Amino acid sequence: MKRVAFKMQLNKGFEAEYKKRHDKLWPELKELLKSTGISDYAIFLDETTNGLFGILKVDDLELLDALPQHPVMQKWWLYMKDIMESNSDNSPVTIPLKEVFYLP
């Protein structure tokens, strides 16, 4: 099992909307993430900067890397692009984070 951490940026004023959209996560997206082997997925908000910090566990990094090609993922990104920093393909600007400490 691999741990993956990353950061993203939420646009100012969309904190409640971001939470609302994730509280109503589409069942097909939830199933896609689980079928990809993702577990223990959490996203935290730094309320002072609107930075988002995500962490998840995944069995197979290749399956995780294939997610951007899935239509459900692309549809979700399109849905979210108006409230967060996004790339030209509508994916969120995501910066991988390097693990420097872990206490199991």
N, C-alpha and C. Protein backbone atom coordinates (compact mmCIF):
# COMPACT_ATOMS: atom_id res chain seq x y z
N MET A 1 0.85 -1.18 0.00
CA MET A 1 0.00 0.00 0.00
C MET A 1 0.89 1.24 0.00
N LYS A 2 0.64 2.13 -0.92
CA LYS A 2 1.41 3.37 -1.04
C LYS A 2 0.57 4.54 -0.51
N ARG A 3 1.24 5.49 0.16
CA ARG A 3 0.59 6.73 0.57
C ARG A 3 0.96 7.81 -0.44
N VAL A 4 -0.02 8.59 -0.83
CA VAL A 4 0.20 9.67 -1.79
C VAL A 4 -0.36 10.95 -1.17
N ALA A 5 0.44 12.01 -1.22
CA ALA A 5 -0.01 13.31 -0.69
C ALA A 5 0.20 14.37 -1.75
N PHE A 6 -0.67 15.36 -1.75
CA PHE A 6 -0.61 16.42 -2.76
C PHE A 6 -1.30 17.65 -2.22
N LYS A 7 -1.03 18.79 -2.90
CA LYS A 7 -1.73 20.01 -2.53
C LYS A 7 -2.37 20.62 -3.77
N MET A 8 -3.44 21.36 -3.53
CA MET A 8 -4.20 22.05 -4.57
C MET A 8 -4.58 23.41 -4.01
N GLN A 9 -5.21 24.24 -4.82
CA GLN A 9 -5.59 25.58 -4.36
C GLN A 9 -7.06 25.85 -4.65
N LEU A 10 -7.79 26.18 -3.62
CA LEU A 10 -9.20 26.54 -3.72
C LEU A 10 -9.31 28.05 -3.93
N ASN A 11 -10.19 28.47 -4.81
CA ASN A 11 -10.41 29.90 -5.01
C ASN A 11 -11.09 30.49 -3.77
N LYS A 12 -10.70 31.70 -3.43
CA LYS A 12 -11.25 32.40 -2.26
C LYS A 12 -12.77 32.55 -2.39
N GLY A 13 -13.44 32.31 -1.29
CA GLY A 13 -14.89 32.46 -1.25
C GLY A 13 -15.67 31.20 -1.60
N PHE A 14 -14.97 30.10 -1.91
CA PHE A 14 -15.64 28.87 -2.33
C PHE A 14 -15.46 27.72 -1.32
N GLU A 15 -15.10 28.06 -0.10
CA GLU A 15 -14.88 27.04 0.92
C GLU A 15 -16.14 26.20 1.16
N ALA A 16 -17.25 26.87 1.37
CA ALA A 16 -18.51 26.16 1.65
C ALA A 16 -18.96 25.35 0.43
N GLU A 17 -18.79 25.90 -0.76
CA GLU A 17 -19.20 25.20 -1.97
C GLU A 17 -18.34 23.95 -2.19
N TYR A 18 -17.05 24.04 -1.93
CA TYR A 18 -16.16 22.89 -2.07
C TYR A 18 -16.62 21.76 -1.14
N LYS A 19 -16.88 22.12 0.11
CA LYS A 19 -17.34 21.12 1.09
C LYS A 19 -18.68 20.54 0.66
N LYS A 20 -19.59 21.38 0.22
CA LYS A 20 -20.92 20.93 -0.21
C LYS A 20 -20.81 19.91 -1.35
N ARG A 21 -19.97 20.22 -2.34
CA ARG A 21 -19.82 19.31 -3.48
C ARG A 21 -19.22 17.98 -3.06
N HIS A 22 -18.29 18.01 -2.11
CA HIS A 22 -17.70 16.75 -1.66
C HIS A 22 -18.62 15.99 -0.70
N ASP A 23 -19.44 16.71 0.03
CA ASP A 23 -20.43 16.02 0.88
C ASP A 23 -21.43 15.25 0.04
N LYS A 24 -21.63 15.70 -1.20
CA LYS A 24 -22.56 15.04 -2.13
C LYS A 24 -21.79 14.37 -3.27
N LEU A 25 -20.65 13.75 -2.93
CA LEU A 25 -19.82 13.10 -3.94
C LEU A 25 -20.65 12.12 -4.76
N TRP A 26 -20.51 12.21 -6.06
CA TRP A 26 -21.28 11.35 -6.95
C TRP A 26 -20.99 9.88 -6.66
N PRO A 27 -22.02 9.05 -6.61
CA PRO A 27 -21.80 7.60 -6.36
C PRO A 27 -20.87 6.98 -7.40
N GLU A 28 -20.97 7.40 -8.67
CA GLU A 28 -20.10 6.81 -9.69
C GLU A 28 -18.64 7.22 -9.50
N LEU A 29 -18.39 8.39 -8.93
CA LEU A 29 -17.01 8.79 -8.64
C LEU A 29 -16.49 8.02 -7.44
N LYS A 30 -17.31 7.89 -6.42
CA LYS A 30 -16.92 7.12 -5.25
C LYS A 30 -16.55 5.69 -5.64
N GLU A 31 -17.38 5.08 -6.49
CA GLU A 31 -17.12 3.71 -6.95
C GLU A 31 -15.83 3.65 -7.77
N LEU A 32 -15.60 4.63 -8.64
CA LEU A 32 -14.39 4.66 -9.45
C LEU A 32 -13.15 4.73 -8.55
N LEU A 33 -13.17 5.60 -7.56
CA LEU A 33 -12.02 5.74 -6.66
C LEU A 33 -11.77 4.44 -5.90
N LYS A 34 -12.83 3.84 -5.39
CA LYS A 34 -12.68 2.58 -4.65
C LYS A 34 -12.20 1.45 -5.57
N SER A 35 -12.74 1.38 -6.79
CA SER A 35 -12.33 0.31 -7.71
C SER A 35 -10.90 0.50 -8.21
N THR A 36 -10.37 1.70 -8.07
CA THR A 36 -8.98 1.98 -8.42
C THR A 36 -8.05 1.56 -7.28
N GLY A 37 -8.62 1.20 -6.14
CA GLY A 37 -7.82 0.77 -5.00
C GLY A 37 -7.47 1.88 -4.04
N ILE A 38 -8.20 2.99 -4.15
CA ILE A 38 -7.95 4.13 -3.25
C ILE A 38 -8.71 3.92 -1.95
N SER A 39 -8.03 4.19 -0.84
CA SER A 39 -8.66 4.12 0.48
C SER A 39 -8.08 5.20 1.37
N ASP A 40 -8.69 5.39 2.49
CA ASP A 40 -8.22 6.40 3.46
C ASP A 40 -7.92 7.74 2.80
N TYR A 41 -8.84 8.20 1.96
CA TYR A 41 -8.66 9.44 1.20
C TYR A 41 -9.26 10.58 2.00
N ALA A 42 -8.46 11.59 2.25
CA ALA A 42 -8.92 12.78 2.98
C ALA A 42 -8.35 14.02 2.33
N ILE A 43 -9.12 15.10 2.38
CA ILE A 43 -8.66 16.41 1.91
C ILE A 43 -8.87 17.40 3.05
N PHE A 44 -7.83 18.15 3.35
CA PHE A 44 -7.87 19.14 4.42
C PHE A 44 -7.75 20.54 3.81
N LEU A 45 -8.39 21.51 4.45
CA LEU A 45 -8.35 22.90 4.01
C LEU A 45 -7.56 23.74 5.00
N ASP A 46 -6.58 24.48 4.49
CA ASP A 46 -5.88 25.48 5.29
C ASP A 46 -6.67 26.77 5.13
N GLU A 47 -7.43 27.14 6.14
CA GLU A 47 -8.33 28.28 6.04
C GLU A 47 -7.60 29.62 5.95
N THR A 48 -6.30 29.64 6.26
CA THR A 48 -5.56 30.90 6.15
C THR A 48 -5.09 31.17 4.72
N THR A 49 -4.94 30.12 3.91
CA THR A 49 -4.43 30.29 2.54
C THR A 49 -5.36 29.73 1.47
N ASN A 50 -6.38 28.99 1.89
CA ASN A 50 -7.27 28.25 0.99
C ASN A 50 -6.54 27.13 0.26
N GLY A 51 -5.40 26.74 0.80
CA GLY A 51 -4.69 25.58 0.26
C GLY A 51 -5.40 24.31 0.67
N LEU A 52 -5.43 23.36 -0.24
CA LEU A 52 -6.01 22.05 0.03
C LEU A 52 -4.88 21.03 0.11
N PHE A 53 -4.94 20.15 1.08
CA PHE A 53 -3.95 19.10 1.24
C PHE A 53 -4.68 17.77 1.19
N GLY A 54 -4.31 16.93 0.24
CA GLY A 54 -4.94 15.62 0.09
C GLY A 54 -3.96 14.52 0.42
N ILE A 55 -4.49 13.46 0.99
CA ILE A 55 -3.69 12.27 1.28
C ILE A 55 -4.58 11.06 1.07
N LEU A 56 -3.98 10.02 0.48
CA LEU A 56 -4.74 8.79 0.22
C LEU A 56 -3.78 7.61 0.23
N LYS A 57 -4.37 6.45 0.32
CA LYS A 57 -3.61 5.20 0.17
C LYS A 57 -4.11 4.53 -1.10
N VAL A 58 -3.18 3.88 -1.80
CA VAL A 58 -3.54 3.20 -3.05
C VAL A 58 -2.68 1.95 -3.19
N ASP A 59 -3.29 0.90 -3.72
CA ASP A 59 -2.58 -0.36 -3.92
C ASP A 59 -1.64 -0.30 -5.12
N ASP A 60 -2.09 0.30 -6.21
CA ASP A 60 -1.37 0.26 -7.49
C ASP A 60 -1.28 1.66 -8.06
N LEU A 61 -0.07 2.22 -8.09
CA LEU A 61 0.13 3.58 -8.60
C LEU A 61 -0.21 3.70 -10.08
N GLU A 62 -0.08 2.63 -10.84
CA GLU A 62 -0.43 2.67 -12.27
C GLU A 62 -1.92 2.89 -12.46
N LEU A 63 -2.75 2.27 -11.61
CA LEU A 63 -4.20 2.49 -11.68
C LEU A 63 -4.53 3.93 -11.32
N LEU A 64 -3.84 4.47 -10.33
CA LEU A 64 -4.04 5.86 -9.95
C LEU A 64 -3.66 6.79 -11.11
N ASP A 65 -2.57 6.49 -11.77
CA ASP A 65 -2.10 7.31 -12.89
C ASP A 65 -3.05 7.24 -14.09
N ALA A 66 -3.88 6.20 -14.17
CA ALA A 66 -4.83 6.06 -15.29
C ALA A 66 -6.13 6.82 -15.05
N LEU A 67 -6.38 7.28 -13.84
CA LEU A 67 -7.63 7.99 -13.52
C LEU A 67 -7.93 9.18 -14.43
N PRO A 68 -6.95 9.99 -14.82
CA PRO A 68 -7.27 11.15 -15.66
C PRO A 68 -7.95 10.82 -16.99
N GLN A 69 -7.80 9.61 -17.47
CA GLN A 69 -8.42 9.24 -18.74
C GLN A 69 -9.88 8.78 -18.56
N HIS A 70 -10.32 8.56 -17.35
CA HIS A 70 -11.67 8.04 -17.12
C HIS A 70 -12.70 9.16 -17.29
N PRO A 71 -13.79 8.91 -18.04
CA PRO A 71 -14.82 9.93 -18.26
C PRO A 71 -15.45 10.50 -16.99
N VAL A 72 -15.62 9.68 -15.96
CA VAL A 72 -16.20 10.18 -14.71
C VAL A 72 -15.26 11.18 -14.05
N MET A 73 -13.96 10.88 -14.09
CA MET A 73 -12.98 11.80 -13.50
C MET A 73 -12.97 13.11 -14.28
N GLN A 74 -13.01 13.03 -15.60
CA GLN A 74 -13.02 14.23 -16.42
C GLN A 74 -14.27 15.07 -16.18
N LYS A 75 -15.39 14.39 -16.00
CA LYS A 75 -16.65 15.10 -15.71
C LYS A 75 -16.57 15.81 -14.36
N TRP A 76 -15.98 15.17 -13.35
CA TRP A 76 -15.82 15.77 -12.02
C TRP A 76 -14.93 17.01 -12.10
N TRP A 77 -13.84 16.90 -12.83
CA TRP A 77 -12.93 18.04 -12.96
C TRP A 77 -13.64 19.23 -13.61
N LEU A 78 -14.43 18.97 -14.62
CA LEU A 78 -15.19 20.03 -15.28
C LEU A 78 -16.14 20.70 -14.28
N TYR A 79 -16.76 19.88 -13.43
CA TYR A 79 -17.68 20.36 -12.40
C TYR A 79 -16.96 21.23 -11.36
N MET A 80 -15.70 20.91 -11.07
CA MET A 80 -14.97 21.59 -10.01
C MET A 80 -14.11 22.77 -10.49
N LYS A 81 -13.89 22.89 -11.78
CA LYS A 81 -12.91 23.87 -12.27
C LYS A 81 -13.27 25.32 -11.96
N ASP A 82 -14.53 25.61 -11.73
CA ASP A 82 -14.92 26.99 -11.45
C ASP A 82 -14.59 27.45 -10.04
N ILE A 83 -14.20 26.52 -9.16
CA ILE A 83 -13.94 26.92 -7.77
C ILE A 83 -12.51 26.66 -7.32
N MET A 84 -11.66 26.17 -8.22
CA MET A 84 -10.29 25.91 -7.82
C MET A 84 -9.34 26.12 -8.99
N GLU A 85 -8.06 26.29 -8.69
CA GLU A 85 -7.07 26.44 -9.74
C GLU A 85 -7.06 25.17 -10.58
N SER A 86 -7.18 25.35 -11.91
CA SER A 86 -7.28 24.20 -12.81
C SER A 86 -6.34 24.36 -14.00
N ASN A 87 -5.97 23.23 -14.56
CA ASN A 87 -5.16 23.19 -15.78
C ASN A 87 -6.07 23.31 -17.00
N SER A 88 -5.47 23.40 -18.18
CA SER A 88 -6.24 23.57 -19.42
C SER A 88 -7.13 22.36 -19.72
N ASP A 89 -6.81 21.19 -19.18
CA ASP A 89 -7.66 20.00 -19.38
C ASP A 89 -8.72 19.87 -18.28
N ASN A 90 -8.90 20.91 -17.48
CA ASN A 90 -9.85 21.00 -16.36
C ASN A 90 -9.39 20.27 -15.10
N SER A 91 -8.30 19.54 -15.15
CA SER A 91 -7.79 18.88 -13.94
C SER A 91 -7.32 19.94 -12.96
N PRO A 92 -7.43 19.65 -11.66
CA PRO A 92 -6.94 20.62 -10.70
C PRO A 92 -5.42 20.72 -10.77
N VAL A 93 -4.90 21.92 -10.55
CA VAL A 93 -3.45 22.07 -10.42
C VAL A 93 -3.08 21.32 -9.15
N THR A 94 -2.29 20.28 -9.32
CA THR A 94 -1.94 19.40 -8.21
C THR A 94 -0.43 19.32 -8.08
N ILE A 95 0.06 19.57 -6.90
CA ILE A 95 1.49 19.52 -6.65
C ILE A 95 1.77 18.34 -5.72
N PRO A 96 2.50 17.33 -6.21
CA PRO A 96 2.82 16.19 -5.36
C PRO A 96 3.70 16.62 -4.19
N LEU A 97 3.52 15.97 -3.07
CA LEU A 97 4.32 16.26 -1.88
C LEU A 97 5.19 15.05 -1.54
N LYS A 98 6.42 15.31 -1.16
CA LYS A 98 7.37 14.26 -0.82
C LYS A 98 7.26 13.94 0.67
N GLU A 99 7.12 12.66 0.98
CA GLU A 99 7.06 12.26 2.38
C GLU A 99 8.45 12.38 3.00
N VAL A 100 8.52 13.05 4.13
CA VAL A 100 9.81 13.20 4.83
C VAL A 100 9.78 12.61 6.24
N PHE A 101 8.60 12.22 6.71
CA PHE A 101 8.48 11.61 8.03
C PHE A 101 7.19 10.83 8.09
N TYR A 102 7.24 9.67 8.75
CA TYR A 102 6.03 8.85 8.95
C TYR A 102 6.18 8.10 10.25
N LEU A 103 5.18 8.15 11.09
CA LEU A 103 5.17 7.40 12.34
C LEU A 103 3.99 6.42 12.28
N PRO A 104 4.25 5.16 11.99
CA PRO A 104 3.13 4.19 11.90
C PRO A 104 2.52 3.87 13.25
